[in-house]
Amino acid sequence: MMVIENFRQVNEVTLDFLKLIPEQLFHQKAFKGRFQSFAWEFACIITTREMYINGLKNGALNGKTVCRSDTELEKLSPAKIREDILKTYKELLNLIKDEKIKKINFWGKIIEKPALISWLLQHEQLHFGKLMLYCSNIGIKLPPSLKEMWGHGSFSKKN
């Protein structure tokens, strides 16, 4: 199934970005006074995944869908963030494969599961853009998996 392969690739890039961030910089901002910390970007990815997991399980995703807070997750170590990324990946993979789940009420509108997963992946890819900017600002090379996903010609040889 194409959705599963797309999700596998996105998850690989997310984990590869996480591996690149030096632990001493993980809770810092790459730009003074702008954007968020590296940790916050991964926290947002996890909380969004948790919302989608709970939404898929309960048939509805909206402002009442339960997940942990970004602030809580932002304090975690890179190792714990990795565990949560892997855990949410496995849970979402099982829900994607669950043929009983076909549609979900997404903020009051009934949508097909593939569209919902597409939006989740787009959210994560938005964070890739921010992480690319952060890494470039402090001289961290981009993960090869990102270049494979988007095409090597899209990146300078220095990155």
N, C-alpha and C. Protein backbone atom coordinates (compact mmCIF):
# COMPACT_ATOMS: atom_id res chain seq x y z
N MET A 1 0.84 -1.18 0.00
CA MET A 1 0.00 0.00 0.00
C MET A 1 0.89 1.25 0.00
N MET A 2 0.62 2.16 -0.89
CA MET A 2 1.45 3.36 -1.06
C MET A 2 1.51 4.22 0.20
N VAL A 3 0.40 4.33 0.92
CA VAL A 3 0.36 5.13 2.14
C VAL A 3 1.36 4.60 3.16
N ILE A 4 1.45 3.28 3.27
CA ILE A 4 2.37 2.67 4.23
C ILE A 4 3.82 2.98 3.85
N GLU A 5 4.16 2.88 2.58
CA GLU A 5 5.52 3.18 2.13
C GLU A 5 5.84 4.66 2.35
N ASN A 6 4.90 5.54 2.07
CA ASN A 6 5.12 6.97 2.31
C ASN A 6 5.36 7.24 3.79
N PHE A 7 4.56 6.61 4.64
CA PHE A 7 4.73 6.80 6.08
C PHE A 7 6.07 6.24 6.55
N ARG A 8 6.48 5.10 6.01
CA ARG A 8 7.78 4.53 6.37
C ARG A 8 8.91 5.51 6.04
N GLN A 9 8.84 6.11 4.85
CA GLN A 9 9.87 7.08 4.44
C GLN A 9 9.87 8.31 5.34
N VAL A 10 8.70 8.83 5.64
CA VAL A 10 8.61 10.01 6.49
C VAL A 10 9.16 9.70 7.88
N ASN A 11 8.81 8.54 8.42
CA ASN A 11 9.30 8.16 9.74
C ASN A 11 10.82 8.02 9.73
N GLU A 12 11.37 7.45 8.66
CA GLU A 12 12.82 7.30 8.54
C GLU A 12 13.51 8.67 8.56
N VAL A 13 12.97 9.63 7.82
CA VAL A 13 13.57 10.97 7.80
C VAL A 13 13.47 11.61 9.19
N THR A 14 12.33 11.46 9.85
CA THR A 14 12.16 12.02 11.19
C THR A 14 13.23 11.46 12.14
N LEU A 15 13.41 10.15 12.12
CA LEU A 15 14.42 9.53 12.99
C LEU A 15 15.84 9.95 12.59
N ASP A 16 16.09 10.09 11.30
CA ASP A 16 17.41 10.52 10.84
C ASP A 16 17.72 11.95 11.26
N PHE A 17 16.73 12.84 11.20
CA PHE A 17 16.95 14.19 11.72
C PHE A 17 17.29 14.13 13.20
N LEU A 18 16.54 13.33 13.95
CA LEU A 18 16.77 13.22 15.39
C LEU A 18 18.20 12.77 15.69
N LYS A 19 18.71 11.81 14.93
CA LYS A 19 20.08 11.30 15.13
C LYS A 19 21.14 12.37 14.91
N LEU A 20 20.85 13.32 14.03
CA LEU A 20 21.85 14.34 13.66
C LEU A 20 22.03 15.43 14.70
N ILE A 21 21.03 15.65 15.53
CA ILE A 21 21.07 16.78 16.46
C ILE A 21 21.93 16.41 17.66
N PRO A 22 23.03 17.15 17.88
CA PRO A 22 23.85 16.88 19.06
C PRO A 22 23.02 17.07 20.34
N GLU A 23 23.20 16.17 21.28
CA GLU A 23 22.38 16.21 22.50
C GLU A 23 22.49 17.55 23.23
N GLN A 24 23.66 18.17 23.20
CA GLN A 24 23.84 19.45 23.90
C GLN A 24 23.06 20.58 23.23
N LEU A 25 22.64 20.40 21.98
CA LEU A 25 21.86 21.42 21.27
C LEU A 25 20.37 21.10 21.20
N PHE A 26 19.99 19.90 21.62
CA PHE A 26 18.64 19.40 21.41
C PHE A 26 17.55 20.30 22.01
N HIS A 27 17.80 20.87 23.17
CA HIS A 27 16.79 21.70 23.84
C HIS A 27 17.00 23.19 23.58
N GLN A 28 17.87 23.51 22.64
CA GLN A 28 18.14 24.91 22.32
C GLN A 28 17.48 25.30 21.00
N LYS A 29 17.37 26.61 20.81
CA LYS A 29 16.87 27.14 19.54
C LYS A 29 18.05 27.38 18.61
N ALA A 30 17.86 27.10 17.33
CA ALA A 30 18.91 27.34 16.34
C ALA A 30 18.98 28.82 15.98
N PHE A 31 17.93 29.56 16.27
CA PHE A 31 17.86 31.00 16.01
C PHE A 31 17.50 31.70 17.31
N LYS A 32 18.24 32.68 17.69
CA LYS A 32 17.94 33.43 18.91
C LYS A 32 16.63 34.18 18.74
N GLY A 33 15.72 33.94 19.67
CA GLY A 33 14.47 34.69 19.70
C GLY A 33 13.45 34.33 18.63
N ARG A 34 13.75 33.35 17.80
CA ARG A 34 12.81 32.98 16.73
C ARG A 34 12.61 31.47 16.72
N PHE A 35 11.49 31.05 16.22
CA PHE A 35 11.17 29.63 16.08
C PHE A 35 11.17 28.93 17.44
N GLN A 36 11.35 27.63 17.41
CA GLN A 36 11.31 26.81 18.62
C GLN A 36 12.63 26.04 18.75
N SER A 37 12.72 25.22 19.78
CA SER A 37 13.90 24.36 19.94
C SER A 37 13.75 23.13 19.04
N PHE A 38 14.87 22.45 18.83
CA PHE A 38 14.82 21.17 18.12
C PHE A 38 13.84 20.23 18.82
N ALA A 39 13.95 20.16 20.16
CA ALA A 39 13.10 19.26 20.94
C ALA A 39 11.62 19.55 20.70
N TRP A 40 11.26 20.84 20.62
CA TRP A 40 9.85 21.19 20.42
C TRP A 40 9.34 20.67 19.08
N GLU A 41 10.15 20.73 18.05
CA GLU A 41 9.72 20.24 16.73
C GLU A 41 9.35 18.76 16.80
N PHE A 42 10.17 17.97 17.48
CA PHE A 42 9.88 16.54 17.62
C PHE A 42 8.69 16.31 18.55
N ALA A 43 8.58 17.13 19.59
CA ALA A 43 7.42 17.03 20.49
C ALA A 43 6.12 17.26 19.73
N CYS A 44 6.11 18.24 18.85
CA CYS A 44 4.92 18.54 18.05
C CYS A 44 4.59 17.38 17.11
N ILE A 45 5.60 16.78 16.53
CA ILE A 45 5.37 15.60 15.67
C ILE A 45 4.70 14.49 16.48
N ILE A 46 5.21 14.23 17.68
CA ILE A 46 4.67 13.15 18.51
C ILE A 46 3.25 13.46 18.96
N THR A 47 3.00 14.67 19.45
CA THR A 47 1.64 14.98 19.93
C THR A 47 0.63 14.94 18.79
N THR A 48 1.04 15.35 17.62
CA THR A 48 0.13 15.27 16.47
C THR A 48 -0.14 13.82 16.12
N ARG A 49 0.89 12.99 16.14
CA ARG A 49 0.68 11.56 15.90
C ARG A 49 -0.27 10.97 16.95
N GLU A 50 -0.08 11.36 18.21
CA GLU A 50 -0.96 10.86 19.27
C GLU A 50 -2.41 11.27 19.04
N MET A 51 -2.61 12.50 18.59
CA MET A 51 -3.98 12.95 18.28
C MET A 51 -4.58 12.10 17.16
N TYR A 52 -3.82 11.84 16.14
CA TYR A 52 -4.31 11.04 15.02
C TYR A 52 -4.58 9.59 15.46
N ILE A 53 -3.73 9.04 16.30
CA ILE A 53 -3.95 7.69 16.83
C ILE A 53 -5.28 7.64 17.58
N ASN A 54 -5.46 8.57 18.52
CA ASN A 54 -6.69 8.59 19.30
C ASN A 54 -7.90 8.89 18.44
N GLY A 55 -7.74 9.76 17.45
CA GLY A 55 -8.83 10.05 16.53
C GLY A 55 -9.24 8.84 15.72
N LEU A 56 -8.26 8.10 15.21
CA LEU A 56 -8.55 6.89 14.43
C LEU A 56 -9.21 5.82 15.31
N LYS A 57 -8.76 5.70 16.55
CA LYS A 57 -9.34 4.71 17.46
C LYS A 57 -10.78 5.06 17.83
N ASN A 58 -11.06 6.35 17.98
CA ASN A 58 -12.37 6.79 18.47
C ASN A 58 -13.30 7.28 17.38
N GLY A 59 -12.82 7.37 16.15
CA GLY A 59 -13.66 7.78 15.03
C GLY A 59 -13.79 9.28 14.84
N ALA A 60 -13.13 10.06 15.68
CA ALA A 60 -13.22 11.52 15.54
C ALA A 60 -11.93 12.18 16.00
N LEU A 61 -11.51 13.19 15.25
CA LEU A 61 -10.35 13.99 15.61
C LEU A 61 -10.81 15.43 15.63
N ASN A 62 -10.67 16.07 16.81
CA ASN A 62 -11.10 17.46 16.96
C ASN A 62 -10.38 18.07 18.16
N GLY A 63 -10.83 19.21 18.61
CA GLY A 63 -10.19 19.90 19.72
C GLY A 63 -10.24 19.17 21.04
N LYS A 64 -11.05 18.12 21.13
CA LYS A 64 -11.16 17.34 22.36
C LYS A 64 -10.34 16.05 22.30
N THR A 65 -9.66 15.81 21.19
CA THR A 65 -8.85 14.60 21.04
C THR A 65 -7.65 14.69 21.98
N VAL A 66 -7.46 13.65 22.77
CA VAL A 66 -6.45 13.65 23.83
C VAL A 66 -5.06 13.36 23.28
N CYS A 67 -4.08 14.10 23.81
CA CYS A 67 -2.66 13.82 23.58
C CYS A 67 -1.88 14.53 24.68
N ARG A 68 -0.62 14.18 24.83
CA ARG A 68 0.22 14.89 25.80
C ARG A 68 0.52 16.29 25.27
N SER A 69 1.07 17.13 26.13
CA SER A 69 1.37 18.50 25.70
C SER A 69 2.77 18.59 25.09
N ASP A 70 2.91 19.51 24.13
CA ASP A 70 4.22 19.76 23.52
C ASP A 70 5.22 20.17 24.59
N THR A 71 4.77 20.97 25.56
CA THR A 71 5.64 21.46 26.63
C THR A 71 6.20 20.30 27.45
N GLU A 72 5.35 19.33 27.75
CA GLU A 72 5.78 18.14 28.50
C GLU A 72 6.81 17.34 27.71
N LEU A 73 6.52 17.10 26.45
CA LEU A 73 7.41 16.28 25.61
C LEU A 73 8.71 17.00 25.28
N GLU A 74 8.67 18.30 25.18
CA GLU A 74 9.86 19.08 24.82
C GLU A 74 10.98 18.88 25.84
N LYS A 75 10.64 18.50 27.06
CA LYS A 75 11.63 18.33 28.12
C LYS A 75 12.33 16.97 28.06
N LEU A 76 11.82 16.06 27.24
CA LEU A 76 12.37 14.70 27.19
C LEU A 76 13.73 14.65 26.50
N SER A 77 14.46 13.60 26.78
CA SER A 77 15.77 13.38 26.14
C SER A 77 15.56 12.90 24.71
N PRO A 78 16.58 13.04 23.86
CA PRO A 78 16.48 12.51 22.50
C PRO A 78 16.16 11.01 22.49
N ALA A 79 16.71 10.25 23.45
CA ALA A 79 16.44 8.80 23.50
C ALA A 79 14.97 8.53 23.76
N LYS A 80 14.37 9.28 24.68
CA LYS A 80 12.94 9.09 24.98
C LYS A 80 12.08 9.57 23.81
N ILE A 81 12.47 10.65 23.16
CA ILE A 81 11.75 11.13 21.97
C ILE A 81 11.78 10.04 20.90
N ARG A 82 12.94 9.41 20.72
CA ARG A 82 13.07 8.33 19.73
C ARG A 82 12.10 7.19 20.05
N GLU A 83 12.04 6.81 21.33
CA GLU A 83 11.11 5.75 21.75
C GLU A 83 9.67 6.12 21.37
N ASP A 84 9.29 7.36 21.64
CA ASP A 84 7.93 7.80 21.34
C ASP A 84 7.66 7.86 19.84
N ILE A 85 8.66 8.24 19.07
CA ILE A 85 8.49 8.26 17.60
C ILE A 85 8.27 6.83 17.11
N LEU A 86 9.07 5.89 17.60
CA LEU A 86 8.92 4.49 17.19
C LEU A 86 7.58 3.91 17.65
N LYS A 87 7.19 4.23 18.87
CA LYS A 87 5.91 3.73 19.41
C LYS A 87 4.74 4.25 18.58
N THR A 88 4.72 5.55 18.31
CA THR A 88 3.60 6.11 17.55
C THR A 88 3.61 5.62 16.11
N TYR A 89 4.80 5.38 15.57
CA TYR A 89 4.89 4.83 14.21
C TYR A 89 4.21 3.46 14.15
N LYS A 90 4.54 2.59 15.11
CA LYS A 90 3.96 1.25 15.12
C LYS A 90 2.44 1.30 15.30
N GLU A 91 1.99 2.16 16.22
CA GLU A 91 0.55 2.28 16.45
C GLU A 91 -0.18 2.78 15.21
N LEU A 92 0.38 3.80 14.57
CA LEU A 92 -0.26 4.34 13.36
C LEU A 92 -0.23 3.32 12.23
N LEU A 93 0.86 2.60 12.10
CA LEU A 93 0.95 1.57 11.06
C LEU A 93 -0.17 0.54 11.21
N ASN A 94 -0.40 0.11 12.45
CA ASN A 94 -1.49 -0.85 12.69
C ASN A 94 -2.85 -0.25 12.36
N LEU A 95 -3.05 1.02 12.68
CA LEU A 95 -4.33 1.67 12.38
C LEU A 95 -4.50 1.90 10.88
N ILE A 96 -3.41 2.20 10.19
CA ILE A 96 -3.48 2.36 8.73
C ILE A 96 -3.89 1.03 8.09
N LYS A 97 -3.33 -0.06 8.60
CA LYS A 97 -3.62 -1.39 8.05
C LYS A 97 -5.01 -1.91 8.44
N ASP A 98 -5.60 -1.35 9.48
CA ASP A 98 -6.90 -1.81 9.98
C ASP A 98 -7.99 -1.48 8.95
N GLU A 99 -8.48 -2.50 8.28
CA GLU A 99 -9.45 -2.30 7.20
C GLU A 99 -10.84 -1.91 7.72
N LYS A 100 -11.07 -2.08 9.02
CA LYS A 100 -12.37 -1.68 9.59
C LYS A 100 -12.49 -0.15 9.66
N ILE A 101 -11.36 0.51 9.75
CA ILE A 101 -11.37 1.98 9.82
C ILE A 101 -11.28 2.51 8.39
N LYS A 102 -12.35 3.11 7.93
CA LYS A 102 -12.38 3.63 6.55
C LYS A 102 -12.50 5.15 6.51
N LYS A 103 -13.26 5.71 7.47
CA LYS A 103 -13.51 7.15 7.50
C LYS A 103 -13.39 7.63 8.94
N ILE A 104 -13.22 8.94 9.07
CA ILE A 104 -13.13 9.55 10.39
C ILE A 104 -13.79 10.93 10.33
N ASN A 105 -14.35 11.32 11.45
CA ASN A 105 -14.90 12.66 11.58
C ASN A 105 -13.73 13.58 11.95
N PHE A 106 -13.33 14.40 11.01
CA PHE A 106 -12.18 15.29 11.18
C PHE A 106 -12.70 16.72 11.31
N TRP A 107 -12.75 17.19 12.56
CA TRP A 107 -13.22 18.54 12.84
C TRP A 107 -14.59 18.81 12.21
N GLY A 108 -15.48 17.80 12.32
CA GLY A 108 -16.85 17.96 11.85
C GLY A 108 -17.11 17.54 10.42
N LYS A 109 -16.07 17.13 9.72
CA LYS A 109 -16.22 16.70 8.33
C LYS A 109 -15.77 15.25 8.20
N ILE A 110 -16.58 14.42 7.55
CA ILE A 110 -16.23 13.01 7.36
C ILE A 110 -15.25 12.90 6.20
N ILE A 111 -14.08 12.29 6.49
CA ILE A 111 -13.06 12.14 5.44
C ILE A 111 -12.58 10.68 5.40
N GLU A 112 -12.02 10.31 4.27
CA GLU A 112 -11.45 8.98 4.07
C GLU A 112 -10.11 8.88 4.82
N LYS A 113 -9.81 7.68 5.31
CA LYS A 113 -8.56 7.47 6.06
C LYS A 113 -7.32 7.86 5.26
N PRO A 114 -7.19 7.53 3.96
CA PRO A 114 -5.98 7.93 3.23
C PRO A 114 -5.76 9.46 3.22
N ALA A 115 -6.83 10.23 3.15
CA ALA A 115 -6.69 11.70 3.19
C ALA A 115 -6.18 12.14 4.55
N LEU A 116 -6.70 11.54 5.60
CA LEU A 116 -6.26 11.88 6.95
C LEU A 116 -4.77 11.60 7.11
N ILE A 117 -4.32 10.44 6.67
CA ILE A 117 -2.91 10.08 6.79
C ILE A 117 -2.04 11.01 5.94
N SER A 118 -2.54 11.40 4.79
CA SER A 118 -1.83 12.36 3.94
C SER A 118 -1.59 13.66 4.69
N TRP A 119 -2.60 14.15 5.40
CA TRP A 119 -2.45 15.40 6.16
C TRP A 119 -1.45 15.23 7.30
N LEU A 120 -1.46 14.07 7.94
CA LEU A 120 -0.49 13.80 9.00
C LEU A 120 0.93 13.86 8.44
N LEU A 121 1.14 13.23 7.29
CA LEU A 121 2.48 13.23 6.67
C LEU A 121 2.89 14.63 6.24
N GLN A 122 1.94 15.40 5.74
CA GLN A 122 2.24 16.79 5.36
C GLN A 122 2.66 17.60 6.58
N HIS A 123 2.00 17.36 7.71
CA HIS A 123 2.37 18.06 8.95
C HIS A 123 3.82 17.75 9.31
N GLU A 124 4.17 16.47 9.24
CA GLU A 124 5.53 16.06 9.60
C GLU A 124 6.54 16.66 8.63
N GLN A 125 6.18 16.72 7.35
CA GLN A 125 7.08 17.29 6.35
C GLN A 125 7.24 18.80 6.54
N LEU A 126 6.24 19.46 7.08
CA LEU A 126 6.38 20.87 7.43
C LEU A 126 7.50 21.03 8.46
N HIS A 127 7.54 20.12 9.41
CA HIS A 127 8.62 20.16 10.41
C HIS A 127 9.98 19.88 9.77
N PHE A 128 10.01 19.06 8.71
CA PHE A 128 11.28 18.84 8.00
C PHE A 128 11.82 20.17 7.48
N GLY A 129 10.94 21.00 6.95
CA GLY A 129 11.37 22.31 6.45
C GLY A 129 12.00 23.14 7.54
N LYS A 130 11.37 23.16 8.71
CA LYS A 130 11.92 23.91 9.82
C LYS A 130 13.24 23.30 10.30
N LEU A 131 13.29 21.97 10.39
CA LEU A 131 14.52 21.31 10.82
C LEU A 131 15.66 21.53 9.83
N MET A 132 15.33 21.57 8.53
CA MET A 132 16.35 21.88 7.52
C MET A 132 16.93 23.27 7.76
N LEU A 133 16.06 24.21 8.05
CA LEU A 133 16.48 25.58 8.32
C LEU A 133 17.36 25.64 9.57
N TYR A 134 16.91 24.98 10.64
CA TYR A 134 17.68 24.97 11.88
C TYR A 134 19.06 24.35 11.66
N CYS A 135 19.08 23.18 11.01
CA CYS A 135 20.36 22.48 10.78
C CYS A 135 21.29 23.31 9.92
N SER A 136 20.76 23.91 8.88
CA SER A 136 21.58 24.74 7.99
C SER A 136 22.17 25.92 8.74
N ASN A 137 21.40 26.49 9.66
CA ASN A 137 21.86 27.66 10.40
C ASN A 137 23.04 27.34 11.31
N ILE A 138 23.12 26.12 11.82
CA ILE A 138 24.22 25.79 12.74
C ILE A 138 25.21 24.79 12.14
N GLY A 139 25.10 24.54 10.84
CA GLY A 139 26.10 23.75 10.14
C GLY A 139 25.97 22.24 10.26
N ILE A 140 24.76 21.74 10.53
CA ILE A 140 24.55 20.30 10.58
C ILE A 140 24.12 19.83 9.19
N LYS A 141 24.80 18.81 8.68
CA LYS A 141 24.43 18.26 7.36
C LYS A 141 23.05 17.62 7.41
N LEU A 142 22.34 17.69 6.31
CA LEU A 142 21.00 17.11 6.23
C LEU A 142 21.07 15.60 6.08
N PRO A 143 20.05 14.88 6.57
CA PRO A 143 20.09 13.42 6.47
C PRO A 143 19.98 12.94 5.02
N PRO A 144 20.75 11.92 4.66
CA PRO A 144 20.66 11.36 3.30
C PRO A 144 19.24 10.90 2.94
N SER A 145 18.49 10.41 3.93
CA SER A 145 17.13 9.95 3.65
C SER A 145 16.23 11.09 3.17
N LEU A 146 16.48 12.31 3.65
CA LEU A 146 15.72 13.47 3.18
C LEU A 146 16.04 13.75 1.72
N LYS A 147 17.32 13.66 1.39
CA LYS A 147 17.74 13.90 0.00
C LYS A 147 17.18 12.84 -0.93
N GLU A 148 17.10 11.60 -0.45
CA GLU A 148 16.52 10.53 -1.26
C GLU A 148 15.04 10.77 -1.49
N MET A 149 14.35 11.26 -0.46
CA MET A 149 12.92 11.50 -0.57
C MET A 149 12.62 12.64 -1.54
N TRP A 150 13.39 13.71 -1.47
CA TRP A 150 13.10 14.92 -2.25
C TRP A 150 13.94 15.07 -3.50
N GLY A 151 14.95 14.24 -3.67
CA GLY A 151 15.78 14.33 -4.88
C GLY A 151 17.09 15.04 -4.58
N HIS A 152 18.18 14.38 -4.87
CA HIS A 152 19.52 14.92 -4.57
C HIS A 152 19.77 16.26 -5.24
N GLY A 153 19.21 16.47 -6.43
CA GLY A 153 19.43 17.72 -7.16
C GLY A 153 18.83 18.93 -6.48
N SER A 154 17.95 18.70 -5.50
CA SER A 154 17.30 19.81 -4.79
C SER A 154 18.19 20.41 -3.71
N PHE A 155 19.35 19.80 -3.45
CA PHE A 155 20.20 20.22 -2.35
C PHE A 155 21.60 20.54 -2.86
N SER A 156 22.25 21.51 -2.22
CA SER A 156 23.61 21.84 -2.61
C SER A 156 24.53 20.70 -2.20
N LYS A 157 25.67 20.63 -2.81
CA LYS A 157 26.63 19.56 -2.52
C LYS A 157 27.20 19.68 -1.10
N LYS A 158 27.16 20.88 -0.52
CA LYS A 158 27.70 21.09 0.83
C LYS A 158 26.82 20.44 1.89
N ASN A 159 25.53 20.32 1.63
CA ASN A 159 24.62 19.75 2.62
C ASN A 159 24.52 18.27 2.43
